[in-house]
Amino acid sequence: MDVGAVLSEQLRATQAVAAAYSGVPGEGRVNAQRRVDRLEQALRDAGGTPKAAPSGATGVEAALAAEQAALRAHVAAVGQLENAAYRELLAGLITEAAAGESALLTVLKRPAAPFAFPGQPV
């Protein structure tokens, strides 16, 4: 497995989250940017080079969709990376993306309960 490719995909998904939080009140964007920073460092440590953040829709609904997409990507990546340090990184990203998803669902007055398939609509 190409560690750099997997980390690059995680970074792209998380950059989309940070960008989508533009204009959303609260700590969501700051929290997402911290995830971006950790992924950029992990990618550099793996010999990769972070690419520019993608642009896209912004706002609460966009941030929710981005958090859900990132959560799915992080869960999938656990099976692709065997190194314990990467799995620890992914575990933190999963936890934080799920927390972001729950916070946004609360803002939208939707149930913030976890689902068996993270990021998937019921």
PDB file of N, CA and C in Angstrom:
ATOM      1  N   MET A   1       0.846  -1.181   0.000  1.00  0.00           N
ATOM      2  CA  MET A   1       0.000   0.000   0.000  1.00  0.00           C
ATOM      3  C   MET A   1       0.888   1.240   0.000  1.00  0.00           C
ATOM      4  N   ASP A   2       0.510   2.229  -0.792  1.00  0.00           N
ATOM      5  CA  ASP A   2       1.239   3.493  -0.879  1.00  0.00           C
ATOM      6  C   ASP A   2       0.771   4.403   0.264  1.00  0.00           C
ATOM      7  N   VAL A   3       1.577   4.476   1.307  1.00  0.00           N
ATOM      8  CA  VAL A   3       1.226   5.263   2.490  1.00  0.00           C
ATOM      9  C   VAL A   3       0.977   6.714   2.111  1.00  0.00           C
ATOM     10  N   GLY A   4       1.824   7.264   1.256  1.00  0.00           N
ATOM     11  CA  GLY A   4       1.664   8.657   0.844  1.00  0.00           C
ATOM     12  C   GLY A   4       0.330   8.909   0.168  1.00  0.00           C
ATOM     13  N   ALA A   5      -0.107   7.971  -0.665  1.00  0.00           N
ATOM     14  CA  ALA A   5      -1.392   8.129  -1.355  1.00  0.00           C
ATOM     15  C   ALA A   5      -2.553   8.081  -0.366  1.00  0.00           C
ATOM     16  N   VAL A   6      -2.471   7.161   0.589  1.00  0.00           N
ATOM     17  CA  VAL A   6      -3.542   7.049   1.586  1.00  0.00           C
ATOM     18  C   VAL A   6      -3.596   8.310   2.442  1.00  0.00           C
ATOM     19  N   LEU A   7      -2.444   8.770   2.907  1.00  0.00           N
ATOM     20  CA  LEU A   7      -2.415   9.984   3.725  1.00  0.00           C
ATOM     21  C   LEU A   7      -2.845  11.203   2.923  1.00  0.00           C
ATOM     22  N   SER A   8      -2.487  11.260   1.651  1.00  0.00           N
ATOM     23  CA  SER A   8      -2.911  12.377   0.801  1.00  0.00           C
ATOM     24  C   SER A   8      -4.430  12.420   0.672  1.00  0.00           C
ATOM     25  N   GLU A   9      -5.042  11.263   0.534  1.00  0.00           N
ATOM     26  CA  GLU A   9      -6.504  11.208   0.444  1.00  0.00           C
ATOM     27  C   GLU A   9      -7.150  11.647   1.757  1.00  0.00           C
ATOM     28  N   GLN A  10      -6.565  11.235   2.882  1.00  0.00           N
ATOM     29  CA  GLN A  10      -7.087  11.658   4.182  1.00  0.00           C
ATOM     30  C   GLN A  10      -6.946  13.166   4.339  1.00  0.00           C
ATOM     31  N   LEU A  11      -5.824  13.688   3.890  1.00  0.00           N
ATOM     32  CA  LEU A  11      -5.590  15.129   3.962  1.00  0.00           C
ATOM     33  C   LEU A  11      -6.594  15.876   3.095  1.00  0.00           C
ATOM     34  N   ARG A  12      -6.811  15.419   1.867  1.00  0.00           N
ATOM     35  CA  ARG A  12      -7.753  16.086   0.967  1.00  0.00           C
ATOM     36  C   ARG A  12      -9.145  16.126   1.591  1.00  0.00           C
ATOM     37  N   ALA A  13      -9.582  14.997   2.160  1.00  0.00           N
ATOM     38  CA  ALA A  13     -10.907  14.936   2.782  1.00  0.00           C
ATOM     39  C   ALA A  13     -10.996  15.886   3.969  1.00  0.00           C
ATOM     40  N   THR A  14      -9.942  15.966   4.750  1.00  0.00           N
ATOM     41  CA  THR A  14      -9.949  16.805   5.943  1.00  0.00           C
ATOM     42  C   THR A  14      -9.813  18.279   5.586  1.00  0.00           C
ATOM     43  N   GLN A  15      -9.059  18.592   4.538  1.00  0.00           N
ATOM     44  CA  GLN A  15      -8.992  19.972   4.054  1.00  0.00           C
ATOM     45  C   GLN A  15     -10.383  20.436   3.609  1.00  0.00           C
ATOM     46  N   ALA A  16     -11.129  19.545   2.967  1.00  0.00           N
ATOM     47  CA  ALA A  16     -12.486  19.885   2.533  1.00  0.00           C
ATOM     48  C   ALA A  16     -13.371  20.199   3.742  1.00  0.00           C
ATOM     49  N   VAL A  17     -13.167  19.469   4.831  1.00  0.00           N
ATOM     50  CA  VAL A  17     -13.913  19.741   6.058  1.00  0.00           C
ATOM     51  C   VAL A  17     -13.589  21.140   6.564  1.00  0.00           C
ATOM     52  N   ALA A  18     -12.309  21.442   6.699  1.00  0.00           N
ATOM     53  CA  ALA A  18     -11.898  22.753   7.216  1.00  0.00           C
ATOM     54  C   ALA A  18     -12.452  23.876   6.352  1.00  0.00           C
ATOM     55  N   ALA A  19     -12.391  23.723   5.048  1.00  0.00           N
ATOM     56  CA  ALA A  19     -12.891  24.752   4.139  1.00  0.00           C
ATOM     57  C   ALA A  19     -14.404  24.908   4.257  1.00  0.00           C
ATOM     58  N   ALA A  20     -15.119  23.810   4.424  1.00  0.00           N
ATOM     59  CA  ALA A  20     -16.576  23.855   4.493  1.00  0.00           C
ATOM     60  C   ALA A  20     -17.076  24.580   5.742  1.00  0.00           C
ATOM     61  N   TYR A  21     -16.269  24.620   6.789  1.00  0.00           N
ATOM     62  CA  TYR A  21     -16.665  25.294   8.018  1.00  0.00           C
ATOM     63  C   TYR A  21     -16.621  26.815   7.898  1.00  0.00           C
ATOM     64  N   SER A  22     -16.177  27.354   6.796  1.00  0.00           N
ATOM     65  CA  SER A  22     -16.115  28.804   6.621  1.00  0.00           C
ATOM     66  C   SER A  22     -17.500  29.409   6.871  1.00  0.00           C
ATOM     67  N   GLY A  23     -17.550  30.357   7.778  1.00  0.00           N
ATOM     68  CA  GLY A  23     -18.809  31.011   8.104  1.00  0.00           C
ATOM     69  C   GLY A  23     -19.663  30.282   9.123  1.00  0.00           C
ATOM     70  N   VAL A  24     -19.235  29.108   9.559  1.00  0.00           N
ATOM     71  CA  VAL A  24     -19.992  28.349  10.562  1.00  0.00           C
ATOM     72  C   VAL A  24     -19.480  28.762  11.941  1.00  0.00           C
ATOM     73  N   PRO A  25     -20.371  29.252  12.814  1.00  0.00           N
ATOM     74  CA  PRO A  25     -19.909  29.645  14.148  1.00  0.00           C
ATOM     75  C   PRO A  25     -19.429  28.446  14.963  1.00  0.00           C
ATOM     76  N   GLY A  26     -18.566  28.723  15.916  1.00  0.00           N
ATOM     77  CA  GLY A  26     -18.070  27.674  16.800  1.00  0.00           C
ATOM     78  C   GLY A  26     -16.640  27.293  16.481  1.00  0.00           C
ATOM     79  N   GLU A  27     -16.207  26.213  17.085  1.00  0.00           N
ATOM     80  CA  GLU A  27     -14.820  25.760  16.998  1.00  0.00           C
ATOM     81  C   GLU A  27     -14.574  24.734  15.892  1.00  0.00           C
ATOM     82  N   GLY A  28     -15.568  24.432  15.096  1.00  0.00           N
ATOM     83  CA  GLY A  28     -15.441  23.397  14.079  1.00  0.00           C
ATOM     84  C   GLY A  28     -14.281  23.599  13.129  1.00  0.00           C
ATOM     85  N   ARG A  29     -14.134  24.806  12.632  1.00  0.00           N
ATOM     86  CA  ARG A  29     -13.057  25.059  11.667  1.00  0.00           C
ATOM     87  C   ARG A  29     -11.688  24.932  12.323  1.00  0.00           C
ATOM     88  N   VAL A  30     -11.558  25.436  13.530  1.00  0.00           N
ATOM     89  CA  VAL A  30     -10.283  25.330  14.256  1.00  0.00           C
ATOM     90  C   VAL A  30      -9.940  23.859  14.489  1.00  0.00           C
ATOM     91  N   ASN A  31     -10.937  23.086  14.917  1.00  0.00           N
ATOM     92  CA  ASN A  31     -10.703  21.659  15.152  1.00  0.00           C
ATOM     93  C   ASN A  31     -10.315  20.950  13.854  1.00  0.00           C
ATOM     94  N   ALA A  32     -11.000  21.262  12.767  1.00  0.00           N
ATOM     95  CA  ALA A  32     -10.684  20.635  11.484  1.00  0.00           C
ATOM     96  C   ALA A  32      -9.281  21.041  11.020  1.00  0.00           C
ATOM     97  N   GLN A  33      -8.901  22.292  11.234  1.00  0.00           N
ATOM     98  CA  GLN A  33      -7.573  22.735  10.823  1.00  0.00           C
ATOM     99  C   GLN A  33      -6.482  22.014  11.617  1.00  0.00           C
ATOM    100  N   ARG A  34      -6.748  21.715  12.872  1.00  0.00           N
ATOM    101  CA  ARG A  34      -5.778  20.948  13.664  1.00  0.00           C
ATOM    102  C   ARG A  34      -5.589  19.548  13.071  1.00  0.00           C
ATOM    103  N   ARG A  35      -6.680  18.960  12.592  1.00  0.00           N
ATOM    104  CA  ARG A  35      -6.580  17.653  11.925  1.00  0.00           C
ATOM    105  C   ARG A  35      -5.767  17.771  10.648  1.00  0.00           C
ATOM    106  N   VAL A  36      -6.001  18.842   9.889  1.00  0.00           N
ATOM    107  CA  VAL A  36      -5.232  19.085   8.665  1.00  0.00           C
ATOM    108  C   VAL A  36      -3.747  19.185   9.002  1.00  0.00           C
ATOM    109  N   ASP A  37      -3.422  19.937  10.032  1.00  0.00           N
ATOM    110  CA  ASP A  37      -2.021  20.114  10.426  1.00  0.00           C
ATOM    111  C   ASP A  37      -1.372  18.779  10.773  1.00  0.00           C
ATOM    112  N   ARG A  38      -2.076  17.929  11.514  1.00  0.00           N
ATOM    113  CA  ARG A  38      -1.520  16.615  11.877  1.00  0.00           C
ATOM    114  C   ARG A  38      -1.303  15.746  10.643  1.00  0.00           C
ATOM    115  N   LEU A  39      -2.259  15.790   9.718  1.00  0.00           N
ATOM    116  CA  LEU A  39      -2.120  14.993   8.498  1.00  0.00           C
ATOM    117  C   LEU A  39      -1.002  15.521   7.606  1.00  0.00           C
ATOM    118  N   GLU A  40      -0.863  16.830   7.506  1.00  0.00           N
ATOM    119  CA  GLU A  40       0.234  17.387   6.721  1.00  0.00           C
ATOM    120  C   GLU A  40       1.576  16.925   7.269  1.00  0.00           C
ATOM    121  N   GLN A  41       1.713  16.929   8.586  1.00  0.00           N
ATOM    122  CA  GLN A  41       2.970  16.479   9.188  1.00  0.00           C
ATOM    123  C   GLN A  41       3.195  14.999   8.946  1.00  0.00           C
ATOM    124  N   ALA A  42       2.163  14.194   9.093  1.00  0.00           N
ATOM    125  CA  ALA A  42       2.296  12.748   8.853  1.00  0.00           C
ATOM    126  C   ALA A  42       2.686  12.487   7.400  1.00  0.00           C
ATOM    127  N   LEU A  43       2.091  13.226   6.477  1.00  0.00           N
ATOM    128  CA  LEU A  43       2.419  13.058   5.063  1.00  0.00           C
ATOM    129  C   LEU A  43       3.867  13.456   4.794  1.00  0.00           C
ATOM    130  N   ARG A  44       4.317  14.555   5.375  1.00  0.00           N
ATOM    131  CA  ARG A  44       5.725  14.963   5.218  1.00  0.00           C
ATOM    132  C   ARG A  44       6.659  13.905   5.798  1.00  0.00           C
ATOM    133  N   ASP A  45       6.306  13.398   6.981  1.00  0.00           N
ATOM    134  CA  ASP A  45       7.126  12.369   7.621  1.00  0.00           C
ATOM    135  C   ASP A  45       7.215  11.108   6.769  1.00  0.00           C
ATOM    136  N   ALA A  46       6.171  10.852   5.972  1.00  0.00           N
ATOM    137  CA  ALA A  46       6.151   9.683   5.082  1.00  0.00           C
ATOM    138  C   ALA A  46       6.818   9.974   3.745  1.00  0.00           C
ATOM    139  N   GLY A  47       7.377  11.190   3.592  1.00  0.00           N
ATOM    140  CA  GLY A  47       8.068  11.553   2.362  1.00  0.00           C
ATOM    141  C   GLY A  47       7.197  12.211   1.314  1.00  0.00           C
ATOM    142  N   GLY A  48       5.952  12.543   1.668  1.00  0.00           N
ATOM    143  CA  GLY A  48       5.041  13.165   0.724  1.00  0.00           C
ATOM    144  C   GLY A  48       5.021  14.674   0.852  1.00  0.00           C
ATOM    145  N   THR A  49       4.326  15.291  -0.066  1.00  0.00           N
ATOM    146  CA  THR A  49       4.184  16.744  -0.077  1.00  0.00           C
ATOM    147  C   THR A  49       2.695  17.091  -0.078  1.00  0.00           C
ATOM    148  N   PRO A  50       2.245  17.833   0.931  1.00  0.00           N
ATOM    149  CA  PRO A  50       0.832  18.233   0.960  1.00  0.00           C
ATOM    150  C   PRO A  50       0.488  19.110  -0.241  1.00  0.00           C
ATOM    151  N   LYS A  51      -0.702  18.908  -0.759  1.00  0.00           N
ATOM    152  CA  LYS A  51      -1.191  19.705  -1.879  1.00  0.00           C
ATOM    153  C   LYS A  51      -2.170  20.750  -1.355  1.00  0.00           C
ATOM    154  N   ALA A  52      -2.473  21.713  -2.197  1.00  0.00           N
ATOM    155  CA  ALA A  52      -3.394  22.789  -1.827  1.00  0.00           C
ATOM    156  C   ALA A  52      -4.771  22.227  -1.488  1.00  0.00           C
ATOM    157  N   ALA A  53      -5.444  22.922  -0.605  1.00  0.00           N
ATOM    158  CA  ALA A  53      -6.776  22.502  -0.180  1.00  0.00           C
ATOM    159  C   ALA A  53      -7.784  22.679  -1.307  1.00  0.00           C
ATOM    160  N   PRO A  54      -8.721  21.730  -1.429  1.00  0.00           N
ATOM    161  CA  PRO A  54      -9.782  21.872  -2.430  1.00  0.00           C
ATOM    162  C   PRO A  54     -10.780  22.945  -2.000  1.00  0.00           C
ATOM    163  N   SER A  55     -11.484  23.509  -2.961  1.00  0.00           N
ATOM    164  CA  SER A  55     -12.536  24.466  -2.620  1.00  0.00           C
ATOM    165  C   SER A  55     -13.876  23.785  -2.826  1.00  0.00           C
ATOM    166  N   GLY A  56     -14.889  24.340  -2.226  1.00  0.00           N
ATOM    167  CA  GLY A  56     -16.216  23.747  -2.355  1.00  0.00           C
ATOM    168  C   GLY A  56     -17.224  24.563  -1.595  1.00  0.00           C
ATOM    169  N   ALA A  57     -18.378  23.973  -1.390  1.00  0.00           N
ATOM    170  CA  ALA A  57     -19.463  24.643  -0.687  1.00  0.00           C
ATOM    171  C   ALA A  57     -19.091  24.872   0.773  1.00  0.00           C
ATOM    172  N   THR A  58     -19.702  25.885   1.367  1.00  0.00           N
ATOM    173  CA  THR A  58     -19.467  26.194   2.768  1.00  0.00           C
ATOM    174  C   THR A  58     -20.804  26.296   3.491  1.00  0.00           C
ATOM    175  N   GLY A  59     -20.745  26.254   4.804  1.00  0.00           N
ATOM    176  CA  GLY A  59     -21.943  26.359   5.621  1.00  0.00           C
ATOM    177  C   GLY A  59     -22.171  25.084   6.407  1.00  0.00           C
ATOM    178  N   VAL A  60     -23.204  25.085   7.222  1.00  0.00           N
ATOM    179  CA  VAL A  60     -23.454  23.968   8.130  1.00  0.00           C
ATOM    180  C   VAL A  60     -23.714  22.666   7.372  1.00  0.00           C
ATOM    181  N   GLU A  61     -24.577  22.705   6.371  1.00  0.00           N
ATOM    182  CA  GLU A  61     -24.877  21.480   5.603  1.00  0.00           C
ATOM    183  C   GLU A  61     -23.628  20.976   4.872  1.00  0.00           C
ATOM    184  N   ALA A  62     -22.856  21.887   4.298  1.00  0.00           N
ATOM    185  CA  ALA A  62     -21.629  21.502   3.591  1.00  0.00           C
ATOM    186  C   ALA A  62     -20.609  20.926   4.560  1.00  0.00           C
ATOM    187  N   ALA A  63     -20.500  21.527   5.742  1.00  0.00           N
ATOM    188  CA  ALA A  63     -19.568  21.019   6.750  1.00  0.00           C
ATOM    189  C   ALA A  63     -19.989  19.620   7.206  1.00  0.00           C
ATOM    190  N   LEU A  64     -21.288  19.412   7.365  1.00  0.00           N
ATOM    191  CA  LEU A  64     -21.783  18.091   7.747  1.00  0.00           C
ATOM    192  C   LEU A  64     -21.444  17.056   6.677  1.00  0.00           C
ATOM    193  N   ALA A  65     -21.714  17.380   5.433  1.00  0.00           N
ATOM    194  CA  ALA A  65     -21.407  16.451   4.338  1.00  0.00           C
ATOM    195  C   ALA A  65     -19.912  16.159   4.278  1.00  0.00           C
ATOM    196  N   ALA A  66     -19.094  17.179   4.488  1.00  0.00           N
ATOM    197  CA  ALA A  66     -17.637  16.997   4.451  1.00  0.00           C
ATOM    198  C   ALA A  66     -17.156  16.144   5.621  1.00  0.00           C
ATOM    199  N   GLU A  67     -17.706  16.395   6.825  1.00  0.00           N
ATOM    200  CA  GLU A  67     -17.338  15.577   7.991  1.00  0.00           C
ATOM    201  C   GLU A  67     -17.703  14.119   7.742  1.00  0.00           C
ATOM    202  N   GLN A  68     -18.876  13.878   7.175  1.00  0.00           N
ATOM    203  CA  GLN A  68     -19.317  12.507   6.918  1.00  0.00           C
ATOM    204  C   GLN A  68     -18.427  11.834   5.878  1.00  0.00           C
ATOM    205  N   ALA A  69     -18.064  12.564   4.831  1.00  0.00           N
ATOM    206  CA  ALA A  69     -17.178  11.998   3.806  1.00  0.00           C
ATOM    207  C   ALA A  69     -15.802  11.692   4.396  1.00  0.00           C
ATOM    208  N   ALA A  70     -15.290  12.603   5.222  1.00  0.00           N
ATOM    209  CA  ALA A  70     -13.986  12.385   5.852  1.00  0.00           C
ATOM    210  C   ALA A  70     -14.046  11.194   6.795  1.00  0.00           C
ATOM    211  N   LEU A  71     -15.119  11.079   7.530  1.00  0.00           N
ATOM    212  CA  LEU A  71     -15.271   9.961   8.457  1.00  0.00           C
ATOM    213  C   LEU A  71     -15.244   8.635   7.704  1.00  0.00           C
ATOM    214  N   ARG A  72     -15.958   8.559   6.592  1.00  0.00           N
ATOM    215  CA  ARG A  72     -15.932   7.334   5.781  1.00  0.00           C
ATOM    216  C   ARG A  72     -14.515   7.047   5.278  1.00  0.00           C
ATOM    217  N   ALA A  73     -13.819   8.080   4.833  1.00  0.00           N
ATOM    218  CA  ALA A  73     -12.451   7.909   4.325  1.00  0.00           C
ATOM    219  C   ALA A  73     -11.515   7.422   5.418  1.00  0.00           C
ATOM    220  N   HIS A  74     -11.643   7.986   6.619  1.00  0.00           N
ATOM    221  CA  HIS A  74     -10.766   7.594   7.727  1.00  0.00           C
ATOM    222  C   HIS A  74     -10.999   6.138   8.133  1.00  0.00           C
ATOM    223  N   VAL A  75     -12.265   5.742   8.194  1.00  0.00           N
ATOM    224  CA  VAL A  75     -12.584   4.359   8.558  1.00  0.00           C
ATOM    225  C   VAL A  75     -12.006   3.402   7.514  1.00  0.00           C
ATOM    226  N   ALA A  76     -12.163   3.734   6.242  1.00  0.00           N
ATOM    227  CA  ALA A  76     -11.633   2.883   5.170  1.00  0.00           C
ATOM    228  C   ALA A  76     -10.114   2.794   5.227  1.00  0.00           C
ATOM    229  N   ALA A  77      -9.458   3.883   5.604  1.00  0.00           N
ATOM    230  CA  ALA A  77      -7.992   3.914   5.621  1.00  0.00           C
ATOM    231  C   ALA A  77      -7.395   3.032   6.705  1.00  0.00           C
ATOM    232  N   VAL A  78      -8.141   2.785   7.771  1.00  0.00           N
ATOM    233  CA  VAL A  78      -7.622   1.926   8.845  1.00  0.00           C
ATOM    234  C   VAL A  78      -7.221   0.574   8.268  1.00  0.00           C
ATOM    235  N   GLY A  79      -8.002   0.051   7.356  1.00  0.00           N
ATOM    236  CA  GLY A  79      -7.699  -1.242   6.752  1.00  0.00           C
ATOM    237  C   GLY A  79      -6.565  -1.194   5.746  1.00  0.00           C
ATOM    238  N   GLN A  80      -6.170   0.006   5.346  1.00  0.00           N
ATOM    239  CA  GLN A  80      -5.115   0.141   4.346  1.00  0.00           C
ATOM    240  C   GLN A  80      -3.737   0.363   4.966  1.00  0.00           C
ATOM    241  N   LEU A  81      -3.700   0.865   6.180  1.00  0.00           N
ATOM    242  CA  LEU A  81      -2.423   1.181   6.826  1.00  0.00           C
ATOM    243  C   LEU A  81      -2.233   0.303   8.057  1.00  0.00           C
ATOM    244  N   GLU A  82      -1.188  -0.475   8.072  1.00  0.00           N
ATOM    245  CA  GLU A  82      -0.949  -1.407   9.172  1.00  0.00           C
ATOM    246  C   GLU A  82      -0.080  -0.834  10.282  1.00  0.00           C
ATOM    247  N   ASN A  83       0.696   0.187   9.982  1.00  0.00           N
ATOM    248  CA  ASN A  83       1.590   0.782  10.962  1.00  0.00           C
ATOM    249  C   ASN A  83       0.787   1.330  12.138  1.00  0.00           C
ATOM    250  N   ALA A  84       1.213   0.996  13.353  1.00  0.00           N
ATOM    251  CA  ALA A  84       0.490   1.395  14.560  1.00  0.00           C
ATOM    252  C   ALA A  84       0.370   2.915  14.689  1.00  0.00           C
ATOM    253  N   ALA A  85       1.398   3.642  14.310  1.00  0.00           N
ATOM    254  CA  ALA A  85       1.346   5.105  14.425  1.00  0.00           C
ATOM    255  C   ALA A  85       0.279   5.683  13.495  1.00  0.00           C
ATOM    256  N   TYR A  86       0.170   5.140  12.298  1.00  0.00           N
ATOM    257  CA  TYR A  86      -0.859   5.626  11.368  1.00  0.00           C
ATOM    258  C   TYR A  86      -2.252   5.247  11.861  1.00  0.00           C
ATOM    259  N   ARG A  87      -2.379   4.072  12.416  1.00  0.00           N
ATOM    260  CA  ARG A  87      -3.686   3.663  12.937  1.00  0.00           C
ATOM    261  C   ARG A  87      -4.087   4.525  14.131  1.00  0.00           C
ATOM    262  N   GLU A  88      -3.117   4.914  14.942  1.00  0.00           N
ATOM    263  CA  GLU A  88      -3.400   5.810  16.060  1.00  0.00           C
ATOM    264  C   GLU A  88      -3.849   7.179  15.535  1.00  0.00           C
ATOM    265  N   LEU A  89      -3.162   7.679  14.512  1.00  0.00           N
ATOM    266  CA  LEU A  89      -3.557   8.934  13.884  1.00  0.00           C
ATOM    267  C   LEU A  89      -4.991   8.828  13.364  1.00  0.00           C
ATOM    268  N   LEU A  90      -5.279   7.749  12.644  1.00  0.00           N
ATOM    269  CA  LEU A  90      -6.618   7.556  12.083  1.00  0.00           C
ATOM    270  C   LEU A  90      -7.677   7.427  13.173  1.00  0.00           C
ATOM    271  N   ALA A  91      -7.350   6.763  14.257  1.00  0.00           N
ATOM    272  CA  ALA A  91      -8.305   6.634  15.363  1.00  0.00           C
ATOM    273  C   ALA A  91      -8.691   8.010  15.896  1.00  0.00           C
ATOM    274  N   GLY A  92      -7.702   8.876  16.037  1.00  0.00           N
ATOM    275  CA  GLY A  92      -7.990  10.239  16.482  1.00  0.00           C
ATOM    276  C   GLY A  92      -8.825  11.003  15.472  1.00  0.00           C
ATOM    277  N   LEU A  93      -8.505  10.841  14.196  1.00  0.00           N
ATOM    278  CA  LEU A  93      -9.270  11.522  13.149  1.00  0.00           C
ATOM    279  C   LEU A  93     -10.713  11.037  13.123  1.00  0.00           C
ATOM    280  N   ILE A  94     -10.901   9.739  13.298  1.00  0.00           N
ATOM    281  CA  ILE A  94     -12.256   9.169  13.319  1.00  0.00           C
ATOM    282  C   ILE A  94     -13.051   9.750  14.484  1.00  0.00           C
ATOM    283  N   THR A  95     -12.433   9.773  15.646  1.00  0.00           N
ATOM    284  CA  THR A  95     -13.101  10.293  16.835  1.00  0.00           C
ATOM    285  C   THR A  95     -13.492  11.757  16.642  1.00  0.00           C
ATOM    286  N   GLU A  96     -12.570  12.546  16.124  1.00  0.00           N
ATOM    287  CA  GLU A  96     -12.817  13.976  15.962  1.00  0.00           C
ATOM    288  C   GLU A  96     -13.826  14.252  14.848  1.00  0.00           C
ATOM    289  N   ALA A  97     -13.775  13.490  13.770  1.00  0.00           N
ATOM    290  CA  ALA A  97     -14.757  13.673  12.695  1.00  0.00           C
ATOM    291  C   ALA A  97     -16.156  13.293  13.182  1.00  0.00           C
ATOM    292  N   ALA A  98     -16.251  12.224  13.964  1.00  0.00           N
ATOM    293  CA  ALA A  98     -17.545  11.816  14.514  1.00  0.00           C
ATOM    294  C   ALA A  98     -18.081  12.876  15.473  1.00  0.00           C
ATOM    295  N   ALA A  99     -17.205  13.469  16.266  1.00  0.00           N
ATOM    296  CA  ALA A  99     -17.622  14.535  17.175  1.00  0.00           C
ATOM    297  C   ALA A  99     -18.099  15.752  16.384  1.00  0.00           C
ATOM    298  N   GLY A 100     -17.382  16.081  15.309  1.00  0.00           N
ATOM    299  CA  GLY A 100     -17.799  17.188  14.452  1.00  0.00           C
ATOM    300  C   GLY A 100     -19.151  16.926  13.818  1.00  0.00           C
ATOM    301  N   GLU A 101     -19.338  15.692  13.351  1.00  0.00           N
ATOM    302  CA  GLU A 101     -20.622  15.313  12.753  1.00  0.00           C
ATOM    303  C   GLU A 101     -21.741  15.466  13.785  1.00  0.00           C
ATOM    304  N   SER A 102     -21.542  14.968  14.982  1.00  0.00           N
ATOM    305  CA  SER A 102     -22.560  15.061  16.030  1.00  0.00           C
ATOM    306  C   SER A 102     -22.882  16.509  16.378  1.00  0.00           C
ATOM    307  N   ALA A 103     -21.850  17.347  16.475  1.00  0.00           N
ATOM    308  CA  ALA A 103     -22.071  18.759  16.793  1.00  0.00           C
ATOM    309  C   ALA A 103     -22.898  19.441  15.698  1.00  0.00           C
ATOM    310  N   LEU A 104     -22.590  19.146  14.460  1.00  0.00           N
ATOM    311  CA  LEU A 104     -23.335  19.754  13.351  1.00  0.00           C
ATOM    312  C   LEU A 104     -24.770  19.238  13.303  1.00  0.00           C
ATOM    313  N   LEU A 105     -24.960  17.961  13.578  1.00  0.00           N
ATOM    314  CA  LEU A 105     -26.318  17.421  13.621  1.00  0.00           C
ATOM    315  C   LEU A 105     -27.136  18.093  14.724  1.00  0.00           C
ATOM    316  N   THR A 106     -26.497  18.392  15.837  1.00  0.00           N
ATOM    317  CA  THR A 106     -27.172  19.089  16.929  1.00  0.00           C
ATOM    318  C   THR A 106     -27.578  20.492  16.491  1.00  0.00           C
ATOM    319  N   VAL A 107     -26.688  21.192  15.813  1.00  0.00           N
ATOM    320  CA  VAL A 107     -26.999  22.532  15.297  1.00  0.00           C
ATOM    321  C   VAL A 107     -28.200  22.469  14.353  1.00  0.00           C
ATOM    322  N   LEU A 108     -28.257  21.419  13.559  1.00  0.00           N
ATOM    323  CA  LEU A 108     -29.350  21.248  12.601  1.00  0.00           C
ATOM    324  C   LEU A 108     -30.598  20.631  13.227  1.00  0.00           C
ATOM    325  N   LYS A 109     -30.531  20.394  14.551  1.00  0.00           N
ATOM    326  CA  LYS A 109     -31.654  19.807  15.301  1.00  0.00           C
ATOM    327  C   LYS A 109     -32.050  18.431  14.762  1.00  0.00           C
ATOM    328  N   ARG A 110     -31.016  17.669  14.419  1.00  0.00           N
ATOM    329  CA  ARG A 110     -31.193  16.281  13.988  1.00  0.00           C
ATOM    330  C   ARG A 110     -30.578  15.375  15.050  1.00  0.00           C
ATOM    331  N   PRO A 111     -31.020  14.124  15.129  1.00  0.00           N
ATOM    332  CA  PRO A 111     -30.426  13.215  16.123  1.00  0.00           C
ATOM    333  C   PRO A 111     -28.916  13.087  15.916  1.00  0.00           C
ATOM    334  N   ALA A 112     -28.187  13.226  16.993  1.00  0.00           N
ATOM    335  CA  ALA A 112     -26.721  13.156  16.918  1.00  0.00           C
ATOM    336  C   ALA A 112     -26.199  11.795  17.343  1.00  0.00           C
ATOM    337  N   ALA A 113     -27.060  10.811  17.329  1.00  0.00           N
ATOM    338  CA  ALA A 113     -26.662   9.468  17.752  1.00  0.00           C
ATOM    339  C   ALA A 113     -25.772   8.813  16.705  1.00  0.00           C
ATOM    340  N   PRO A 114     -24.797   8.031  17.137  1.00  0.00           N
ATOM    341  CA  PRO A 114     -23.938   7.329  16.175  1.00  0.00           C
ATOM    342  C   PRO A 114     -24.700   6.242  15.439  1.00  0.00           C
ATOM    343  N   PHE A 115     -24.244   5.955  14.246  1.00  0.00           N
ATOM    344  CA  PHE A 115     -24.847   4.914  13.427  1.00  0.00           C
ATOM    345  C   PHE A 115     -23.841   3.783  13.242  1.00  0.00           C
ATOM    346  N   ALA A 116     -24.324   2.612  12.881  1.00  0.00           N
ATOM    347  CA  ALA A 116     -23.451   1.464  12.692  1.00  0.00           C
ATOM    348  C   ALA A 116     -22.490   1.688  11.525  1.00  0.00           C
ATOM    349  N   PHE A 117     -22.893   2.502  10.564  1.00  0.00           N
ATOM    350  CA  PHE A 117     -22.051   2.785   9.401  1.00  0.00           C
ATOM    351  C   PHE A 117     -21.792   4.282   9.380  1.00  0.00           C
ATOM    352  N   PRO A 118     -20.660   4.738   9.950  1.00  0.00           N
ATOM    353  CA  PRO A 118     -20.393   6.146  10.089  1.00  0.00           C
ATOM    354  C   PRO A 118     -20.526   6.915   8.779  1.00  0.00           C
ATOM    355  N   GLY A 119     -21.196   8.045   8.870  1.00  0.00           N
ATOM    356  CA  GLY A 119     -21.327   8.922   7.722  1.00  0.00           C
ATOM    357  C   GLY A 119     -22.387   8.510   6.725  1.00  0.00           C
ATOM    358  N   GLN A 120     -23.022   7.381   6.937  1.00  0.00           N
ATOM    359  CA  GLN A 120     -24.050   6.906   6.001  1.00  0.00           C
ATOM    360  C   GLN A 120     -25.426   7.360   6.485  1.00  0.00           C
ATOM    361  N   PRO A 121     -26.264   7.850   5.571  1.00  0.00           N
ATOM    362  CA  PRO A 121     -27.617   8.237   5.980  1.00  0.00           C
ATOM    363  C   PRO A 121     -28.425   7.019   6.388  1.00  0.00           C
ATOM    364  N   VAL A 122     -29.360   7.252   7.268  1.00  0.00           N
ATOM    365  CA  VAL A 122     -30.207   6.161   7.757  1.00  0.00           C
ATOM    366  C   VAL A 122     -31.381   5.988   6.819  1.00  0.00           C
TER     367      VAL A 122
END
